Amino acid sequence: MKLLPLQNSVTDVGYEIENLNNKIDMLDELIDNASESEKMELLNQRTELYSEKLYQLEEQYNTLKNLQSGMKSELITFGFKFDAEGLIDNYN
């Protein structure tokens, strides 16, 4: 099935986001226990992780939109019709 690479991509990005969440959680613990001089560097690292997380979330969103479009196209080949909101119009 041609949609499988997109589905795998969603899973891969999901794992990456979970990994980033774990790193952010660990940094939060370090920040709570850090000296004032160490906190600034740790906060900068956390900011970088949030930036990476934002990028990964945008990638996941785009991949999901592509997957949705592919699935819709595939369903159209089976005779399904969609309304303006993207809902199946002829399922009765």
N, C-alpha and C. Protein backbone atom coordinates (compact mmCIF):
# COMPACT_ATOMS: atom_id res chain seq x y z
N MET A 1 0.84 -1.17 0.00
CA MET A 1 0.00 0.00 0.00
C MET A 1 0.88 1.23 0.00
N LYS A 2 0.55 2.20 -0.81
CA LYS A 2 1.39 3.38 -0.97
C LYS A 2 1.38 4.32 0.23
N LEU A 3 0.40 4.18 1.13
CA LEU A 3 0.32 5.05 2.29
C LEU A 3 1.20 4.58 3.45
N LEU A 4 1.71 3.37 3.37
CA LEU A 4 2.51 2.81 4.46
C LEU A 4 3.73 3.66 4.82
N PRO A 5 4.50 4.19 3.85
CA PRO A 5 5.63 5.05 4.25
C PRO A 5 5.19 6.27 5.05
N LEU A 6 4.03 6.84 4.71
CA LEU A 6 3.54 7.98 5.48
C LEU A 6 3.15 7.56 6.90
N GLN A 7 2.53 6.40 7.02
CA GLN A 7 2.15 5.90 8.34
C GLN A 7 3.38 5.63 9.19
N ASN A 8 4.40 5.07 8.58
CA ASN A 8 5.66 4.83 9.29
C ASN A 8 6.30 6.14 9.72
N SER A 9 6.21 7.14 8.87
CA SER A 9 6.77 8.45 9.18
C SER A 9 6.08 9.07 10.39
N VAL A 10 4.76 8.92 10.46
CA VAL A 10 4.01 9.43 11.61
C VAL A 10 4.50 8.75 12.89
N THR A 11 4.69 7.45 12.83
CA THR A 11 5.18 6.70 13.99
C THR A 11 6.58 7.16 14.38
N ASP A 12 7.46 7.32 13.39
CA ASP A 12 8.82 7.75 13.68
C ASP A 12 8.85 9.12 14.34
N VAL A 13 8.06 10.05 13.81
CA VAL A 13 8.01 11.39 14.38
C VAL A 13 7.42 11.33 15.79
N GLY A 14 6.44 10.48 15.99
CA GLY A 14 5.86 10.32 17.32
C GLY A 14 6.89 9.86 18.34
N TYR A 15 7.74 8.91 17.94
CA TYR A 15 8.81 8.46 18.83
C TYR A 15 9.79 9.59 19.11
N GLU A 16 10.10 10.38 18.10
CA GLU A 16 11.04 11.49 18.28
C GLU A 16 10.46 12.53 19.24
N ILE A 17 9.17 12.81 19.12
CA ILE A 17 8.53 13.77 20.02
C ILE A 17 8.54 13.24 21.45
N GLU A 18 8.26 11.97 21.62
CA GLU A 18 8.28 11.36 22.96
C GLU A 18 9.70 11.43 23.54
N ASN A 19 10.70 11.19 22.73
CA ASN A 19 12.09 11.28 23.16
C ASN A 19 12.42 12.71 23.61
N LEU A 20 11.96 13.70 22.83
CA LEU A 20 12.19 15.09 23.21
C LEU A 20 11.48 15.43 24.51
N ASN A 21 10.26 14.93 24.69
CA ASN A 21 9.53 15.16 25.94
C ASN A 21 10.30 14.60 27.12
N ASN A 22 10.89 13.41 26.96
CA ASN A 22 11.68 12.81 28.04
C ASN A 22 12.91 13.66 28.35
N LYS A 23 13.57 14.16 27.32
CA LYS A 23 14.74 15.01 27.54
C LYS A 23 14.36 16.30 28.25
N ILE A 24 13.22 16.88 27.86
CA ILE A 24 12.75 18.11 28.51
C ILE A 24 12.44 17.84 29.97
N ASP A 25 11.79 16.72 30.25
CA ASP A 25 11.48 16.35 31.64
C ASP A 25 12.75 16.20 32.47
N MET A 26 13.77 15.57 31.89
CA MET A 26 15.04 15.40 32.62
C MET A 26 15.69 16.76 32.88
N LEU A 27 15.65 17.64 31.87
CA LEU A 27 16.22 18.97 32.06
C LEU A 27 15.48 19.74 33.14
N ASP A 28 14.16 19.59 33.19
CA ASP A 28 13.39 20.27 34.23
C ASP A 28 13.85 19.84 35.62
N GLU A 29 14.11 18.56 35.77
CA GLU A 29 14.62 18.06 37.06
C GLU A 29 15.99 18.66 37.36
N LEU A 30 16.85 18.72 36.35
CA LEU A 30 18.18 19.30 36.56
C LEU A 30 18.08 20.78 36.91
N ILE A 31 17.16 21.48 36.24
CA ILE A 31 17.00 22.91 36.50
C ILE A 31 16.55 23.14 37.94
N ASP A 32 15.63 22.31 38.40
CA ASP A 32 15.14 22.44 39.78
C ASP A 32 16.25 22.29 40.81
N ASN A 33 17.25 21.48 40.49
CA ASN A 33 18.33 21.20 41.44
C ASN A 33 19.64 21.92 41.11
N ALA A 34 19.64 22.75 40.09
CA ALA A 34 20.88 23.40 39.64
C ALA A 34 21.16 24.67 40.43
N SER A 35 22.42 25.02 40.44
CA SER A 35 22.82 26.30 41.03
C SER A 35 22.43 27.41 40.05
N GLU A 36 22.44 28.62 40.53
CA GLU A 36 22.06 29.75 39.68
C GLU A 36 22.95 29.85 38.44
N SER A 37 24.20 29.55 38.58
CA SER A 37 25.13 29.66 37.44
C SER A 37 24.87 28.57 36.39
N GLU A 38 24.37 27.43 36.82
CA GLU A 38 24.09 26.33 35.89
C GLU A 38 22.72 26.48 35.20
N LYS A 39 21.81 27.19 35.84
CA LYS A 39 20.44 27.27 35.33
C LYS A 39 20.35 27.89 33.94
N MET A 40 21.13 28.91 33.69
CA MET A 40 21.05 29.60 32.39
C MET A 40 21.39 28.65 31.25
N GLU A 41 22.44 27.88 31.39
CA GLU A 41 22.81 26.92 30.35
C GLU A 41 21.73 25.85 30.18
N LEU A 42 21.20 25.37 31.27
CA LEU A 42 20.14 24.36 31.20
C LEU A 42 18.87 24.92 30.57
N LEU A 43 18.55 26.16 30.88
CA LEU A 43 17.38 26.80 30.27
C LEU A 43 17.58 26.98 28.77
N ASN A 44 18.79 27.32 28.37
CA ASN A 44 19.09 27.43 26.93
C ASN A 44 18.94 26.08 26.24
N GLN A 45 19.39 25.02 26.89
CA GLN A 45 19.23 23.68 26.32
C GLN A 45 17.76 23.31 26.19
N ARG A 46 16.98 23.67 27.21
CA ARG A 46 15.55 23.37 27.17
C ARG A 46 14.86 24.15 26.04
N THR A 47 15.27 25.39 25.84
CA THR A 47 14.72 26.19 24.74
C THR A 47 15.02 25.54 23.40
N GLU A 48 16.22 25.04 23.23
CA GLU A 48 16.58 24.34 21.99
C GLU A 48 15.73 23.09 21.79
N LEU A 49 15.48 22.36 22.88
CA LEU A 49 14.64 21.16 22.77
C LEU A 49 13.21 21.53 22.40
N TYR A 50 12.69 22.61 22.97
CA TYR A 50 11.34 23.04 22.60
C TYR A 50 11.28 23.47 21.13
N SER A 51 12.32 24.09 20.65
CA SER A 51 12.37 24.46 19.23
C SER A 51 12.36 23.22 18.34
N GLU A 52 13.12 22.21 18.74
CA GLU A 52 13.14 20.96 17.99
C GLU A 52 11.78 20.27 18.07
N LYS A 53 11.15 20.32 19.24
CA LYS A 53 9.82 19.72 19.39
C LYS A 53 8.81 20.41 18.50
N LEU A 54 8.86 21.73 18.41
CA LEU A 54 7.97 22.46 17.53
C LEU A 54 8.16 22.03 16.09
N TYR A 55 9.41 21.89 15.67
CA TYR A 55 9.70 21.43 14.31
C TYR A 55 9.12 20.04 14.08
N GLN A 56 9.32 19.14 15.03
CA GLN A 56 8.82 17.77 14.89
C GLN A 56 7.29 17.74 14.86
N LEU A 57 6.65 18.58 15.65
CA LEU A 57 5.19 18.64 15.63
C LEU A 57 4.68 19.15 14.29
N GLU A 58 5.37 20.13 13.72
CA GLU A 58 4.99 20.62 12.40
C GLU A 58 5.18 19.54 11.34
N GLU A 59 6.25 18.78 11.45
CA GLU A 59 6.48 17.66 10.53
C GLU A 59 5.37 16.62 10.66
N GLN A 60 5.01 16.31 11.89
CA GLN A 60 3.96 15.34 12.12
C GLN A 60 2.63 15.83 11.54
N TYR A 61 2.32 17.09 11.74
CA TYR A 61 1.10 17.67 11.19
C TYR A 61 1.08 17.56 9.66
N ASN A 62 2.18 17.94 9.04
CA ASN A 62 2.25 17.87 7.57
C ASN A 62 2.14 16.44 7.07
N THR A 63 2.76 15.51 7.75
CA THR A 63 2.67 14.11 7.36
C THR A 63 1.24 13.60 7.51
N LEU A 64 0.58 13.97 8.59
CA LEU A 64 -0.80 13.55 8.79
C LEU A 64 -1.73 14.15 7.73
N LYS A 65 -1.49 15.39 7.35
CA LYS A 65 -2.29 16.00 6.28
C LYS A 65 -2.07 15.25 4.96
N ASN A 66 -0.84 14.88 4.67
CA ASN A 66 -0.55 14.11 3.45
C ASN A 66 -1.20 12.73 3.51
N LEU A 67 -1.17 12.11 4.67
CA LEU A 67 -1.80 10.81 4.85
C LEU A 67 -3.31 10.93 4.65
N GLN A 68 -3.90 11.96 5.21
CA GLN A 68 -5.33 12.20 5.05
C GLN A 68 -5.68 12.38 3.58
N SER A 69 -4.90 13.16 2.88
CA SER A 69 -5.15 13.39 1.45
C SER A 69 -5.03 12.09 0.66
N GLY A 70 -4.03 11.29 0.98
CA GLY A 70 -3.84 10.01 0.29
C GLY A 70 -4.98 9.04 0.55
N MET A 71 -5.43 9.00 1.79
CA MET A 71 -6.54 8.11 2.12
C MET A 71 -7.83 8.57 1.43
N LYS A 72 -8.03 9.88 1.41
CA LYS A 72 -9.21 10.42 0.75
C LYS A 72 -9.18 10.07 -0.74
N SER A 73 -8.04 10.24 -1.37
CA SER A 73 -7.91 9.90 -2.80
C SER A 73 -8.19 8.42 -3.04
N GLU A 74 -7.68 7.59 -2.15
CA GLU A 74 -7.91 6.16 -2.29
C GLU A 74 -9.39 5.81 -2.13
N LEU A 75 -10.05 6.44 -1.18
CA LEU A 75 -11.48 6.19 -0.98
C LEU A 75 -12.30 6.67 -2.17
N ILE A 76 -11.90 7.75 -2.79
CA ILE A 76 -12.61 8.26 -3.97
C ILE A 76 -12.58 7.22 -5.08
N THR A 77 -11.48 6.48 -5.21
CA THR A 77 -11.41 5.44 -6.25
C THR A 77 -12.40 4.31 -5.99
N PHE A 78 -12.86 4.18 -4.74
CA PHE A 78 -13.86 3.17 -4.41
C PHE A 78 -15.28 3.72 -4.45
N GLY A 79 -15.44 4.96 -4.91
CA GLY A 79 -16.77 5.53 -5.09
C GLY A 79 -17.25 6.42 -3.96
N PHE A 80 -16.43 6.64 -2.96
CA PHE A 80 -16.85 7.53 -1.89
C PHE A 80 -16.81 8.97 -2.38
N LYS A 81 -17.73 9.78 -1.87
CA LYS A 81 -17.76 11.21 -2.17
C LYS A 81 -17.67 11.97 -0.86
N PHE A 82 -17.07 13.15 -0.93
CA PHE A 82 -16.84 13.96 0.26
C PHE A 82 -17.51 15.31 0.11
N ASP A 83 -18.04 15.83 1.24
CA ASP A 83 -18.65 17.15 1.21
C ASP A 83 -17.56 18.21 1.42
N ALA A 84 -17.98 19.47 1.52
CA ALA A 84 -17.04 20.58 1.64
C ALA A 84 -16.20 20.51 2.92
N GLU A 85 -16.73 19.86 3.94
CA GLU A 85 -15.99 19.73 5.21
C GLU A 85 -15.07 18.53 5.22
N GLY A 86 -15.10 17.72 4.16
CA GLY A 86 -14.24 16.55 4.10
C GLY A 86 -14.86 15.30 4.66
N LEU A 87 -16.14 15.35 4.99
CA LEU A 87 -16.83 14.19 5.52
C LEU A 87 -17.40 13.35 4.38
N ILE A 88 -17.49 12.05 4.56
CA ILE A 88 -18.05 11.17 3.54
C ILE A 88 -19.51 11.54 3.36
N ASP A 89 -19.87 11.80 2.11
CA ASP A 89 -21.19 12.32 1.78
C ASP A 89 -22.17 11.22 1.39
N ASN A 90 -21.70 10.11 0.89
CA ASN A 90 -22.60 9.07 0.34
C ASN A 90 -22.45 7.74 1.07
N TYR A 91 -22.47 7.75 2.36
CA TYR A 91 -22.30 6.49 3.11
C TYR A 91 -23.59 5.77 3.38
N ASN A 92 -24.72 6.33 3.05
CA ASN A 92 -26.02 5.67 3.30
C ASN A 92 -26.31 4.61 2.29
